[in-house]
Amino acid sequence: MSIAPIVRTVSVKASPQRAFNAFTSKMGQWWPKDHTIATQPSRR
């Protein structure tokens, strides 16, 4: 039995570089730090 992946597409009015930078460098502002699949907690 396999589970289909969840796919989500979002369009923004920004260049790919700027959108990627905002998504990755400011992740702590919108993603809960205790919501992870990592084995160790984040050091940030």
C-alpha atoms as a PDB file:
ATOM      1  CA  MET A   1       0.000   0.000   0.000  1.00  0.00           C
ATOM      2  CA  SER A   2       1.374   3.404  -0.907  1.00  0.00           C
ATOM      3  CA  ILE A   3       0.115   6.841  -0.038  1.00  0.00           C
ATOM      4  CA  ALA A   4       0.013   9.506  -2.727  1.00  0.00           C
ATOM      5  CA  PRO A   5       2.161  12.568  -2.031  1.00  0.00           C
ATOM      6  CA  ILE A   6       0.574  15.872  -1.143  1.00  0.00           C
ATOM      7  CA  VAL A   7       1.306  18.442  -3.829  1.00  0.00           C
ATOM      8  CA  ARG A   8       0.599  22.138  -3.369  1.00  0.00           C
ATOM      9  CA  THR A   9       1.292  24.922  -5.855  1.00  0.00           C
ATOM     10  CA  VAL A  10       1.397  28.599  -4.916  1.00  0.00           C
ATOM     11  CA  SER A  11       1.900  31.482  -7.350  1.00  0.00           C
ATOM     12  CA  VAL A  12       3.544  34.663  -6.088  1.00  0.00           C
ATOM     13  CA  LYS A  13       4.529  37.927  -7.727  1.00  0.00           C
ATOM     14  CA  ALA A  14       8.264  37.551  -7.132  1.00  0.00           C
ATOM     15  CA  SER A  15      11.273  36.164  -8.938  1.00  0.00           C
ATOM     16  CA  PRO A  16      12.083  32.516  -8.195  1.00  0.00           C
ATOM     17  CA  GLN A  17      15.237  33.625  -6.329  1.00  0.00           C
ATOM     18  CA  ARG A  18      13.365  36.090  -4.105  1.00  0.00           C
ATOM     19  CA  ALA A  19      10.528  33.628  -3.421  1.00  0.00           C
ATOM     20  CA  PHE A  20      12.994  30.863  -2.502  1.00  0.00           C
ATOM     21  CA  ASN A  21      14.943  33.210  -0.226  1.00  0.00           C
ATOM     22  CA  ALA A  22      11.785  34.357   1.571  1.00  0.00           C
ATOM     23  CA  PHE A  23      10.583  30.768   1.943  1.00  0.00           C
ATOM     24  CA  THR A  24      13.852  29.412   3.324  1.00  0.00           C
ATOM     25  CA  SER A  25      15.485  32.274   5.231  1.00  0.00           C
ATOM     26  CA  LYS A  26      12.336  33.278   7.121  1.00  0.00           C
ATOM     27  CA  MET A  27      10.955  29.812   7.732  1.00  0.00           C
ATOM     28  CA  GLY A  28      11.045  30.291  11.500  1.00  0.00           C
ATOM     29  CA  GLN A  29       8.492  33.098  11.181  1.00  0.00           C
ATOM     30  CA  TRP A  30       5.785  30.861   9.745  1.00  0.00           C
ATOM     31  CA  TRP A  31       6.696  27.213  10.515  1.00  0.00           C
ATOM     32  CA  PRO A  32       6.236  26.021  14.136  1.00  0.00           C
ATOM     33  CA  LYS A  33       9.612  24.911  15.540  1.00  0.00           C
ATOM     34  CA  ASP A  34       8.061  21.928  17.328  1.00  0.00           C
ATOM     35  CA  HIS A  35       6.511  20.592  14.103  1.00  0.00           C
ATOM     36  CA  THR A  36       9.245  18.437  12.580  1.00  0.00           C
ATOM     37  CA  ILE A  37      10.144  14.941  11.458  1.00  0.00           C
ATOM     38  CA  ALA A  38      13.774  15.437  12.514  1.00  0.00           C
ATOM     39  CA  THR A  39      15.225  13.224  15.194  1.00  0.00           C
ATOM     40  CA  GLN A  40      16.877  16.192  16.933  1.00  0.00           C
ATOM     41  CA  PRO A  41      15.249  19.544  17.773  1.00  0.00           C
ATOM     42  CA  SER A  42      16.333  22.640  15.877  1.00  0.00           C
ATOM     43  CA  ARG A  43      19.207  24.607  17.397  1.00  0.00           C
ATOM     44  CA  ARG A  44      17.693  27.929  16.359  1.00  0.00           C
END
